Amino acid sequence: MVRTPLTPEERLRGERLGRLLREARGERSMAAVAASAGISAETLRKIETGRAPTPAFFTVAALAGALGLSLDELLGRCGREAAASAEAAGSAGSAGSAGPAEPAVVPLIA
């Protein structure tokens, strides 16, 4: 079975997710957070660096629990970054538009 290539949006979403998880981890070690979530440190490293941009829902849920984040909070934080990115892209290329651009809704997990 051949895996379809990721879209640029999926890659960006994975990078945002990784950045948010890395920030939430703070000074805690990668190994400790990974063990608490029941995943390997290498899996967490891949997610945080964006090399695994589409982790399974249950992996994200386990990480959110280990980091003390609700899935709503994680989605909200990721959504705010996506909206800010969409607004920046919209304002840069639409000087003559009739109204404000609507922020793109980017799902956390494909």
PDB file of N, CA and C in Angstrom:
ATOM      1  N   MET A   1       0.845  -1.173   0.000  1.00  0.00           N
ATOM      2  CA  MET A   1       0.000   0.000   0.000  1.00  0.00           C
ATOM      3  C   MET A   1       0.894   1.241   0.000  1.00  0.00           C
ATOM      4  N   VAL A   2       0.583   2.169  -0.864  1.00  0.00           N
ATOM      5  CA  VAL A   2       1.353   3.395  -0.990  1.00  0.00           C
ATOM      6  C   VAL A   2       0.661   4.490  -0.200  1.00  0.00           C
ATOM      7  N   ARG A   3       1.425   5.179   0.626  1.00  0.00           N
ATOM      8  CA  ARG A   3       0.872   6.285   1.406  1.00  0.00           C
ATOM      9  C   ARG A   3       0.875   7.549   0.553  1.00  0.00           C
ATOM     10  N   THR A   4      -0.249   8.260   0.561  1.00  0.00           N
ATOM     11  CA  THR A   4      -0.320   9.490  -0.217  1.00  0.00           C
ATOM     12  C   THR A   4       0.537  10.564   0.448  1.00  0.00           C
ATOM     13  N   PRO A   5       1.177  11.395  -0.343  1.00  0.00           N
ATOM     14  CA  PRO A   5       2.012  12.458   0.229  1.00  0.00           C
ATOM     15  C   PRO A   5       1.171  13.451   1.030  1.00  0.00           C
ATOM     16  N   LEU A   6       1.780  14.026   2.048  1.00  0.00           N
ATOM     17  CA  LEU A   6       1.101  15.017   2.865  1.00  0.00           C
ATOM     18  C   LEU A   6       1.012  16.341   2.120  1.00  0.00           C
ATOM     19  N   THR A   7      -0.055  17.047   2.365  1.00  0.00           N
ATOM     20  CA  THR A   7      -0.212  18.371   1.777  1.00  0.00           C
ATOM     21  C   THR A   7       0.613  19.365   2.590  1.00  0.00           C
ATOM     22  N   PRO A   8       0.900  20.515   2.029  1.00  0.00           N
ATOM     23  CA  PRO A   8       1.609  21.539   2.797  1.00  0.00           C
ATOM     24  C   PRO A   8       0.854  21.926   4.075  1.00  0.00           C
ATOM     25  N   GLU A   9      -0.474  21.951   4.015  1.00  0.00           N
ATOM     26  CA  GLU A   9      -1.277  22.280   5.194  1.00  0.00           C
ATOM     27  C   GLU A   9      -1.101  21.226   6.286  1.00  0.00           C
ATOM     28  N   GLU A  10      -1.056  19.951   5.889  1.00  0.00           N
ATOM     29  CA  GLU A  10      -0.858  18.879   6.873  1.00  0.00           C
ATOM     30  C   GLU A  10       0.522  18.990   7.520  1.00  0.00           C
ATOM     31  N   ARG A  11       1.509  19.329   6.736  1.00  0.00           N
ATOM     32  CA  ARG A  11       2.854  19.503   7.291  1.00  0.00           C
ATOM     33  C   ARG A  11       2.895  20.671   8.280  1.00  0.00           C
ATOM     34  N   LEU A  12       2.280  21.799   7.908  1.00  0.00           N
ATOM     35  CA  LEU A  12       2.241  22.955   8.806  1.00  0.00           C
ATOM     36  C   LEU A  12       1.473  22.638  10.084  1.00  0.00           C
ATOM     37  N   ARG A  13       0.366  21.923   9.962  1.00  0.00           N
ATOM     38  CA  ARG A  13      -0.419  21.535  11.131  1.00  0.00           C
ATOM     39  C   ARG A  13       0.412  20.655  12.063  1.00  0.00           C
ATOM     40  N   GLY A  14       1.186  19.741  11.490  1.00  0.00           N
ATOM     41  CA  GLY A  14       2.054  18.894  12.299  1.00  0.00           C
ATOM     42  C   GLY A  14       3.138  19.687  13.007  1.00  0.00           C
ATOM     43  N   GLU A  15       3.686  20.685  12.320  1.00  0.00           N
ATOM     44  CA  GLU A  15       4.703  21.539  12.950  1.00  0.00           C
ATOM     45  C   GLU A  15       4.104  22.350  14.094  1.00  0.00           C
ATOM     46  N   ARG A  16       2.878  22.872  13.898  1.00  0.00           N
ATOM     47  CA  ARG A  16       2.200  23.621  14.965  1.00  0.00           C
ATOM     48  C   ARG A  16       1.933  22.739  16.167  1.00  0.00           C
ATOM     49  N   LEU A  17       1.437  21.530  15.908  1.00  0.00           N
ATOM     50  CA  LEU A  17       1.167  20.598  17.000  1.00  0.00           C
ATOM     51  C   LEU A  17       2.444  20.295  17.766  1.00  0.00           C
ATOM     52  N   GLY A  18       3.521  20.014  17.056  1.00  0.00           N
ATOM     53  CA  GLY A  18       4.797  19.722  17.709  1.00  0.00           C
ATOM     54  C   GLY A  18       5.290  20.877  18.548  1.00  0.00           C
ATOM     55  N   ARG A  19       5.165  22.084  18.030  1.00  0.00           N
ATOM     56  CA  ARG A  19       5.598  23.278  18.771  1.00  0.00           C
ATOM     57  C   ARG A  19       4.773  23.454  20.042  1.00  0.00           C
ATOM     58  N   LEU A  20       3.460  23.254  19.936  1.00  0.00           N
ATOM     59  CA  LEU A  20       2.589  23.392  21.105  1.00  0.00           C
ATOM     60  C   LEU A  20       2.908  22.346  22.171  1.00  0.00           C
ATOM     61  N   LEU A  21       3.148  21.116  21.752  1.00  0.00           N
ATOM     62  CA  LEU A  21       3.486  20.066  22.708  1.00  0.00           C
ATOM     63  C   LEU A  21       4.838  20.335  23.360  1.00  0.00           C
ATOM     64  N   ARG A  22       5.792  20.804  22.569  1.00  0.00           N
ATOM     65  CA  ARG A  22       7.124  21.116  23.106  1.00  0.00           C
ATOM     66  C   ARG A  22       7.027  22.235  24.138  1.00  0.00           C
ATOM     67  N   GLU A  23       6.240  23.268  23.838  1.00  0.00           N
ATOM     68  CA  GLU A  23       6.050  24.366  24.789  1.00  0.00           C
ATOM     69  C   GLU A  23       5.375  23.884  26.063  1.00  0.00           C
ATOM     70  N   ALA A  24       4.378  23.030  25.931  1.00  0.00           N
ATOM     71  CA  ALA A  24       3.662  22.514  27.099  1.00  0.00           C
ATOM     72  C   ALA A  24       4.554  21.616  27.951  1.00  0.00           C
ATOM     73  N   ARG A  25       5.492  20.920  27.307  1.00  0.00           N
ATOM     74  CA  ARG A  25       6.408  20.041  28.046  1.00  0.00           C
ATOM     75  C   ARG A  25       7.346  20.856  28.919  1.00  0.00           C
ATOM     76  N   GLY A  26       7.713  22.042  28.453  1.00  0.00           N
ATOM     77  CA  GLY A  26       8.576  22.925  29.239  1.00  0.00           C
ATOM     78  C   GLY A  26       9.900  22.290  29.590  1.00  0.00           C
ATOM     79  N   GLU A  27      10.220  22.281  30.877  1.00  0.00           N
ATOM     80  CA  GLU A  27      11.497  21.753  31.344  1.00  0.00           C
ATOM     81  C   GLU A  27      11.465  20.249  31.617  1.00  0.00           C
ATOM     82  N   ARG A  28      10.285  19.644  31.506  1.00  0.00           N
ATOM     83  CA  ARG A  28      10.197  18.193  31.740  1.00  0.00           C
ATOM     84  C   ARG A  28      10.943  17.444  30.648  1.00  0.00           C
ATOM     85  N   SER A  29      11.526  16.337  31.018  1.00  0.00           N
ATOM     86  CA  SER A  29      12.296  15.576  30.030  1.00  0.00           C
ATOM     87  C   SER A  29      11.356  14.894  29.042  1.00  0.00           C
ATOM     88  N   MET A  30      11.859  14.731  27.834  1.00  0.00           N
ATOM     89  CA  MET A  30      11.102  14.063  26.794  1.00  0.00           C
ATOM     90  C   MET A  30      10.790  12.624  27.208  1.00  0.00           C
ATOM     91  N   ALA A  31      11.756  11.961  27.818  1.00  0.00           N
ATOM     92  CA  ALA A  31      11.565  10.569  28.224  1.00  0.00           C
ATOM     93  C   ALA A  31      10.476  10.449  29.284  1.00  0.00           C
ATOM     94  N   ALA A  32      10.441  11.383  30.238  1.00  0.00           N
ATOM     95  CA  ALA A  32       9.440  11.315  31.307  1.00  0.00           C
ATOM     96  C   ALA A  32       8.031  11.549  30.760  1.00  0.00           C
ATOM     97  N   VAL A  33       7.877  12.526  29.885  1.00  0.00           N
ATOM     98  CA  VAL A  33       6.563  12.813  29.311  1.00  0.00           C
ATOM     99  C   VAL A  33       6.119  11.652  28.427  1.00  0.00           C
ATOM    100  N   ALA A  34       7.016  11.129  27.625  1.00  0.00           N
ATOM    101  CA  ALA A  34       6.687  10.010  26.745  1.00  0.00           C
ATOM    102  C   ALA A  34       6.257   8.794  27.566  1.00  0.00           C
ATOM    103  N   ALA A  35       6.988   8.489  28.629  1.00  0.00           N
ATOM    104  CA  ALA A  35       6.644   7.345  29.479  1.00  0.00           C
ATOM    105  C   ALA A  35       5.281   7.560  30.123  1.00  0.00           C
ATOM    106  N   SER A  36       5.012   8.772  30.564  1.00  0.00           N
ATOM    107  CA  SER A  36       3.721   9.086  31.181  1.00  0.00           C
ATOM    108  C   SER A  36       2.573   8.916  30.188  1.00  0.00           C
ATOM    109  N   ALA A  37       2.836   9.208  28.923  1.00  0.00           N
ATOM    110  CA  ALA A  37       1.816   9.072  27.878  1.00  0.00           C
ATOM    111  C   ALA A  37       1.748   7.655  27.317  1.00  0.00           C
ATOM    112  N   GLY A  38       2.710   6.810  27.659  1.00  0.00           N
ATOM    113  CA  GLY A  38       2.718   5.435  27.162  1.00  0.00           C
ATOM    114  C   GLY A  38       3.221   5.312  25.738  1.00  0.00           C
ATOM    115  N   ILE A  39       4.080   6.237  25.328  1.00  0.00           N
ATOM    116  CA  ILE A  39       4.675   6.173  23.993  1.00  0.00           C
ATOM    117  C   ILE A  39       6.190   6.214  24.147  1.00  0.00           C
ATOM    118  N   SER A  40       6.899   5.964  23.079  1.00  0.00           N
ATOM    119  CA  SER A  40       8.355   6.015  23.148  1.00  0.00           C
ATOM    120  C   SER A  40       8.844   7.453  23.040  1.00  0.00           C
ATOM    121  N   ALA A  41      10.009   7.703  23.590  1.00  0.00           N
ATOM    122  CA  ALA A  41      10.613   9.031  23.487  1.00  0.00           C
ATOM    123  C   ALA A  41      10.870   9.376  22.023  1.00  0.00           C
ATOM    124  N   GLU A  42      11.195   8.391  21.211  1.00  0.00           N
ATOM    125  CA  GLU A  42      11.436   8.639  19.788  1.00  0.00           C
ATOM    126  C   GLU A  42      10.159   9.087  19.085  1.00  0.00           C
ATOM    127  N   THR A  43       9.022   8.502  19.460  1.00  0.00           N
ATOM    128  CA  THR A  43       7.749   8.937  18.874  1.00  0.00           C
ATOM    129  C   THR A  43       7.469  10.382  19.252  1.00  0.00           C
ATOM    130  N   LEU A  44       7.671  10.733  20.519  1.00  0.00           N
ATOM    131  CA  LEU A  44       7.466  12.113  20.952  1.00  0.00           C
ATOM    132  C   LEU A  44       8.423  13.052  20.221  1.00  0.00           C
ATOM    133  N   ARG A  45       9.660  12.635  20.054  1.00  0.00           N
ATOM    134  CA  ARG A  45      10.639  13.457  19.338  1.00  0.00           C
ATOM    135  C   ARG A  45      10.170  13.713  17.901  1.00  0.00           C
ATOM    136  N   LYS A  46       9.669  12.682  17.236  1.00  0.00           N
ATOM    137  CA  LYS A  46       9.200  12.834  15.858  1.00  0.00           C
ATOM    138  C   LYS A  46       8.001  13.773  15.775  1.00  0.00           C
ATOM    139  N   ILE A  47       7.089  13.687  16.754  1.00  0.00           N
ATOM    140  CA  ILE A  47       5.924  14.565  16.752  1.00  0.00           C
ATOM    141  C   ILE A  47       6.359  16.004  16.998  1.00  0.00           C
ATOM    142  N   GLU A  48       7.223  16.206  18.001  1.00  0.00           N
ATOM    143  CA  GLU A  48       7.666  17.562  18.334  1.00  0.00           C
ATOM    144  C   GLU A  48       8.441  18.230  17.210  1.00  0.00           C
ATOM    145  N   THR A  49       9.164  17.467  16.436  1.00  0.00           N
ATOM    146  CA  THR A  49       9.957  18.045  15.354  1.00  0.00           C
ATOM    147  C   THR A  49       9.198  18.116  14.033  1.00  0.00           C
ATOM    148  N   GLY A  50       7.983  17.588  14.008  1.00  0.00           N
ATOM    149  CA  GLY A  50       7.194  17.618  12.783  1.00  0.00           C
ATOM    150  C   GLY A  50       7.494  16.484  11.826  1.00  0.00           C
ATOM    151  N   ARG A  51       8.370  15.559  12.228  1.00  0.00           N
ATOM    152  CA  ARG A  51       8.675  14.420  11.349  1.00  0.00           C
ATOM    153  C   ARG A  51       7.544  13.407  11.337  1.00  0.00           C
ATOM    154  N   ALA A  52       6.648  13.477  12.326  1.00  0.00           N
ATOM    155  CA  ALA A  52       5.435  12.650  12.353  1.00  0.00           C
ATOM    156  C   ALA A  52       4.262  13.623  12.446  1.00  0.00           C
ATOM    157  N   PRO A  53       3.919  14.277  11.327  1.00  0.00           N
ATOM    158  CA  PRO A  53       2.933  15.356  11.376  1.00  0.00           C
ATOM    159  C   PRO A  53       1.491  14.913  11.550  1.00  0.00           C
ATOM    160  N   THR A  54       1.205  13.629  11.417  1.00  0.00           N
ATOM    161  CA  THR A  54      -0.166  13.159  11.561  1.00  0.00           C
ATOM    162  C   THR A  54      -0.234  12.009  12.573  1.00  0.00           C
ATOM    163  N   PRO A  55       0.050  12.299  13.849  1.00  0.00           N
ATOM    164  CA  PRO A  55      -0.009  11.230  14.852  1.00  0.00           C
ATOM    165  C   PRO A  55      -1.446  10.772  15.071  1.00  0.00           C
ATOM    166  N   ALA A  56      -1.584   9.566  15.556  1.00  0.00           N
ATOM    167  CA  ALA A  56      -2.903   9.003  15.822  1.00  0.00           C
ATOM    168  C   ALA A  56      -3.608   9.809  16.911  1.00  0.00           C
ATOM    169  N   PHE A  57      -4.923   9.844  16.840  1.00  0.00           N
ATOM    170  CA  PHE A  57      -5.716  10.580  17.819  1.00  0.00           C
ATOM    171  C   PHE A  57      -5.383  10.146  19.242  1.00  0.00           C
ATOM    172  N   PHE A  58      -5.314   8.850  19.484  1.00  0.00           N
ATOM    173  CA  PHE A  58      -5.075   8.368  20.839  1.00  0.00           C
ATOM    174  C   PHE A  58      -3.680   8.743  21.338  1.00  0.00           C
ATOM    175  N   THR A  59      -2.731   8.886  20.439  1.00  0.00           N
ATOM    176  CA  THR A  59      -1.395   9.355  20.821  1.00  0.00           C
ATOM    177  C   THR A  59      -1.466  10.807  21.268  1.00  0.00           C
ATOM    178  N   VAL A  60      -2.174  11.629  20.513  1.00  0.00           N
ATOM    179  CA  VAL A  60      -2.334  13.040  20.876  1.00  0.00           C
ATOM    180  C   VAL A  60      -3.097  13.151  22.194  1.00  0.00           C
ATOM    181  N   ALA A  61      -4.141  12.339  22.357  1.00  0.00           N
ATOM    182  CA  ALA A  61      -4.924  12.374  23.591  1.00  0.00           C
ATOM    183  C   ALA A  61      -4.074  11.965  24.788  1.00  0.00           C
ATOM    184  N   ALA A  62      -3.237  10.953  24.630  1.00  0.00           N
ATOM    185  CA  ALA A  62      -2.364  10.511  25.724  1.00  0.00           C
ATOM    186  C   ALA A  62      -1.340  11.587  26.072  1.00  0.00           C
ATOM    187  N   LEU A  63      -0.784  12.237  25.062  1.00  0.00           N
ATOM    188  CA  LEU A  63       0.169  13.321  25.310  1.00  0.00           C
ATOM    189  C   LEU A  63      -0.501  14.499  25.994  1.00  0.00           C
ATOM    190  N   ALA A  64      -1.697  14.847  25.546  1.00  0.00           N
ATOM    191  CA  ALA A  64      -2.425  15.954  26.175  1.00  0.00           C
ATOM    192  C   ALA A  64      -2.658  15.645  27.658  1.00  0.00           C
ATOM    193  N   GLY A  65      -3.054  14.418  27.962  1.00  0.00           N
ATOM    194  CA  GLY A  65      -3.266  14.031  29.353  1.00  0.00           C
ATOM    195  C   GLY A  65      -1.989  14.086  30.168  1.00  0.00           C
ATOM    196  N   ALA A  66      -0.897  13.619  29.601  1.00  0.00           N
ATOM    197  CA  ALA A  66       0.388  13.622  30.308  1.00  0.00           C
ATOM    198  C   ALA A  66       0.891  15.043  30.550  1.00  0.00           C
ATOM    199  N   LEU A  67       0.507  15.966  29.676  1.00  0.00           N
ATOM    200  CA  LEU A  67       0.954  17.355  29.799  1.00  0.00           C
ATOM    201  C   LEU A  67      -0.052  18.239  30.531  1.00  0.00           C
ATOM    202  N   GLY A  68      -1.162  17.637  30.954  1.00  0.00           N
ATOM    203  CA  GLY A  68      -2.175  18.406  31.673  1.00  0.00           C
ATOM    204  C   GLY A  68      -2.974  19.346  30.787  1.00  0.00           C
ATOM    205  N   LEU A  69      -3.095  19.004  29.506  1.00  0.00           N
ATOM    206  CA  LEU A  69      -3.861  19.808  28.562  1.00  0.00           C
ATOM    207  C   LEU A  69      -5.150  19.085  28.227  1.00  0.00           C
ATOM    208  N   SER A  70      -6.219  19.828  28.038  1.00  0.00           N
ATOM    209  CA  SER A  70      -7.421  19.202  27.507  1.00  0.00           C
ATOM    210  C   SER A  70      -7.297  19.207  25.984  1.00  0.00           C
ATOM    211  N   LEU A  71      -8.004  18.299  25.349  1.00  0.00           N
ATOM    212  CA  LEU A  71      -7.976  18.291  23.883  1.00  0.00           C
ATOM    213  C   LEU A  71      -8.587  19.579  23.340  1.00  0.00           C
ATOM    214  N   ASP A  72      -9.595  20.114  24.041  1.00  0.00           N
ATOM    215  CA  ASP A  72     -10.178  21.386  23.615  1.00  0.00           C
ATOM    216  C   ASP A  72      -9.143  22.502  23.660  1.00  0.00           C
ATOM    217  N   GLU A  73      -8.351  22.523  24.730  1.00  0.00           N
ATOM    218  CA  GLU A  73      -7.315  23.552  24.860  1.00  0.00           C
ATOM    219  C   GLU A  73      -6.268  23.404  23.759  1.00  0.00           C
ATOM    220  N   LEU A  74      -5.846  22.168  23.515  1.00  0.00           N
ATOM    221  CA  LEU A  74      -4.850  21.918  22.474  1.00  0.00           C
ATOM    222  C   LEU A  74      -5.388  22.335  21.108  1.00  0.00           C
ATOM    223  N   LEU A  75      -6.625  21.978  20.818  1.00  0.00           N
ATOM    224  CA  LEU A  75      -7.236  22.359  19.545  1.00  0.00           C
ATOM    225  C   LEU A  75      -7.403  23.871  19.472  1.00  0.00           C
ATOM    226  N   GLY A  76      -7.808  24.479  20.573  1.00  0.00           N
ATOM    227  CA  GLY A  76      -7.977  25.927  20.592  1.00  0.00           C
ATOM    228  C   GLY A  76      -6.678  26.656  20.332  1.00  0.00           C
ATOM    229  N   ARG A  77      -5.614  26.214  20.983  1.00  0.00           N
ATOM    230  CA  ARG A  77      -4.314  26.858  20.773  1.00  0.00           C
ATOM    231  C   ARG A  77      -3.828  26.645  19.350  1.00  0.00           C
ATOM    232  N   CYS A  78      -4.023  25.459  18.832  1.00  0.00           N
ATOM    233  CA  CYS A  78      -3.599  25.177  17.460  1.00  0.00           C
ATOM    234  C   CYS A  78      -4.471  25.967  16.489  1.00  0.00           C
ATOM    235  N   GLY A  79      -5.753  26.102  16.783  1.00  0.00           N
ATOM    236  CA  GLY A  79      -6.669  26.844  15.937  1.00  0.00           C
ATOM    237  C   GLY A  79      -6.356  28.324  15.901  1.00  0.00           C
ATOM    238  N   ARG A  80      -5.964  28.904  17.052  1.00  0.00           N
ATOM    239  CA  ARG A  80      -5.608  30.326  17.085  1.00  0.00           C
ATOM    240  C   ARG A  80      -4.404  30.581  16.206  1.00  0.00           C
ATOM    241  N   GLU A  81      -3.414  29.697  16.252  1.00  0.00           N
ATOM    242  CA  GLU A  81      -2.230  29.874  15.399  1.00  0.00           C
ATOM    243  C   GLU A  81      -2.613  29.752  13.934  1.00  0.00           C
ATOM    244  N   ALA A  82      -3.509  28.813  13.625  1.00  0.00           N
ATOM    245  CA  ALA A  82      -3.936  28.639  12.238  1.00  0.00           C
ATOM    246  C   ALA A  82      -4.686  29.871  11.765  1.00  0.00           C
ATOM    247  N   ALA A  83      -5.543  30.433  12.630  1.00  0.00           N
ATOM    248  CA  ALA A  83      -6.297  31.627  12.252  1.00  0.00           C
ATOM    249  C   ALA A  83      -5.360  32.812  12.041  1.00  0.00           C
ATOM    250  N   ALA A  84      -4.366  32.953  12.909  1.00  0.00           N
ATOM    251  CA  ALA A  84      -3.410  34.046  12.763  1.00  0.00           C
ATOM    252  C   ALA A  84      -2.620  33.900  11.471  1.00  0.00           C
ATOM    253  N   SER A  85      -2.235  32.673  11.140  1.00  0.00           N
ATOM    254  CA  SER A  85      -1.502  32.435   9.902  1.00  0.00           C
ATOM    255  C   SER A  85      -2.359  32.756   8.689  1.00  0.00           C
ATOM    256  N   ALA A  86      -3.630  32.373   8.751  1.00  0.00           N
ATOM    257  CA  ALA A  86      -4.535  32.632   7.631  1.00  0.00           C
ATOM    258  C   ALA A  86      -4.775  34.124   7.462  1.00  0.00           C
ATOM    259  N   GLU A  87      -4.931  34.827   8.591  1.00  0.00           N
ATOM    260  CA  GLU A  87      -5.131  36.275   8.509  1.00  0.00           C
ATOM    261  C   GLU A  87      -3.904  36.956   7.914  1.00  0.00           C
ATOM    262  N   ALA A  88      -2.716  36.538   8.344  1.00  0.00           N
ATOM    263  CA  ALA A  88      -1.488  37.138   7.827  1.00  0.00           C
ATOM    264  C   ALA A  88      -1.370  36.881   6.326  1.00  0.00           C
ATOM    265  N   ALA A  89      -1.682  35.679   5.903  1.00  0.00           N
ATOM    266  CA  ALA A  89      -1.599  35.346   4.477  1.00  0.00           C
ATOM    267  C   ALA A  89      -2.660  36.105   3.694  1.00  0.00           C
ATOM    268  N   GLY A  90      -3.849  36.238   4.261  1.00  0.00           N
ATOM    269  CA  GLY A  90      -4.928  36.939   3.582  1.00  0.00           C
ATOM    270  C   GLY A  90      -4.665  38.422   3.458  1.00  0.00           C
ATOM    271  N   SER A  91      -4.123  39.037   4.502  1.00  0.00           N
ATOM    272  CA  SER A  91      -3.878  40.477   4.444  1.00  0.00           C
ATOM    273  C   SER A  91      -2.693  40.809   3.545  1.00  0.00           C
ATOM    274  N   ALA A  92      -1.775  39.883   3.392  1.00  0.00           N
ATOM    275  CA  ALA A  92      -0.604  40.142   2.557  1.00  0.00           C
ATOM    276  C   ALA A  92      -0.964  40.135   1.076  1.00  0.00           C
ATOM    277  N   GLY A  93      -1.964  39.324   0.702  1.00  0.00           N
ATOM    278  CA  GLY A  93      -2.239  39.202  -0.721  1.00  0.00           C
ATOM    279  C   GLY A  93      -3.569  39.766  -1.155  1.00  0.00           C
ATOM    280  N   SER A  94      -4.325  40.407  -0.246  1.00  0.00           N
ATOM    281  CA  SER A  94      -5.651  40.861  -0.635  1.00  0.00           C
ATOM    282  C   SER A  94      -5.865  42.325  -0.270  1.00  0.00           C
ATOM    283  N   ALA A  95      -5.056  43.208  -0.788  1.00  0.00           N
ATOM    284  CA  ALA A  95      -5.158  44.625  -0.468  1.00  0.00           C
ATOM    285  C   ALA A  95      -6.474  45.213  -0.948  1.00  0.00           C
ATOM    286  N   GLY A  96      -7.054  44.698  -2.009  1.00  0.00           N
ATOM    287  CA  GLY A  96      -8.276  45.266  -2.534  1.00  0.00           C
ATOM    288  C   GLY A  96      -9.507  44.447  -2.204  1.00  0.00           C
ATOM    289  N   SER A  97      -9.482  43.599  -1.199  1.00  0.00           N
ATOM    290  CA  SER A  97     -10.635  42.758  -0.901  1.00  0.00           C
ATOM    291  C   SER A  97     -11.742  43.584  -0.271  1.00  0.00           C
ATOM    292  N   ALA A  98     -12.975  43.103  -0.405  1.00  0.00           N
ATOM    293  CA  ALA A  98     -14.137  43.833   0.073  1.00  0.00           C
ATOM    294  C   ALA A  98     -14.297  43.755   1.584  1.00  0.00           C
ATOM    295  N   GLY A  99     -13.762  42.743   2.216  1.00  0.00           N
ATOM    296  CA  GLY A  99     -13.939  42.587   3.658  1.00  0.00           C
ATOM    297  C   GLY A  99     -12.834  41.745   4.246  1.00  0.00           C
ATOM    298  N   PRO A 100     -12.896  41.527   5.555  1.00  0.00           N
ATOM    299  CA  PRO A 100     -11.855  40.726   6.191  1.00  0.00           C
ATOM    300  C   PRO A 100     -11.937  39.272   5.756  1.00  0.00           C
ATOM    301  N   ALA A 101     -10.801  38.663   5.628  1.00  0.00           N
ATOM    302  CA  ALA A 101     -10.753  37.258   5.250  1.00  0.00           C
ATOM    303  C   ALA A 101     -11.177  36.412   6.430  1.00  0.00           C
ATOM    304  N   GLU A 102     -11.942  35.345   6.147  1.00  0.00           N
ATOM    305  CA  GLU A 102     -12.322  34.444   7.220  1.00  0.00           C
ATOM    306  C   GLU A 102     -11.151  33.527   7.516  1.00  0.00           C
ATOM    307  N   PRO A 103     -10.872  33.278   8.809  1.00  0.00           N
ATOM    308  CA  PRO A 103      -9.763  32.392   9.137  1.00  0.00           C
ATOM    309  C   PRO A 103     -10.073  30.968   8.691  1.00  0.00           C
ATOM    310  N   ALA A 104      -9.060  30.299   8.238  1.00  0.00           N
ATOM    311  CA  ALA A 104      -9.214  28.911   7.825  1.00  0.00           C
ATOM    312  C   ALA A 104      -9.402  28.035   9.037  1.00  0.00           C
ATOM    313  N   VAL A 105     -10.264  27.056   8.941  1.00  0.00           N
ATOM    314  CA  VAL A 105     -10.434  26.078  10.006  1.00  0.00           C
ATOM    315  C   VAL A 105      -9.541  24.905   9.656  1.00  0.00           C
ATOM    316  N   VAL A 106      -8.560  24.668  10.498  1.00  0.00           N
ATOM    317  CA  VAL A 106      -7.597  23.608  10.252  1.00  0.00           C
ATOM    318  C   VAL A 106      -7.788  22.542  11.305  1.00  0.00           C
ATOM    319  N   PRO A 107      -8.172  21.333  10.933  1.00  0.00           N
ATOM    320  CA  PRO A 107      -8.349  20.282  11.929  1.00  0.00           C
ATOM    321  C   PRO A 107      -7.015  19.911  12.546  1.00  0.00           C
ATOM    322  N   LEU A 108      -7.064  19.549  13.820  1.00  0.00           N
ATOM    323  CA  LEU A 108      -5.856  19.177  14.535  1.00  0.00           C
ATOM    324  C   LEU A 108      -5.283  17.876  13.967  1.00  0.00           C
ATOM    325  N   ILE A 109      -6.150  16.943  13.690  1.00  0.00           N
ATOM    326  CA  ILE A 109      -5.716  15.625  13.226  1.00  0.00           C
ATOM    327  C   ILE A 109      -6.497  15.259  11.978  1.00  0.00           C
ATOM    328  N   ALA A 110      -5.785  14.800  10.979  1.00  0.00           N
ATOM    329  CA  ALA A 110      -6.456  14.414   9.728  1.00  0.00           C
ATOM    330  C   ALA A 110      -7.077  13.058   9.854  1.00  0.00           C
TER     331      ALA A 110
END
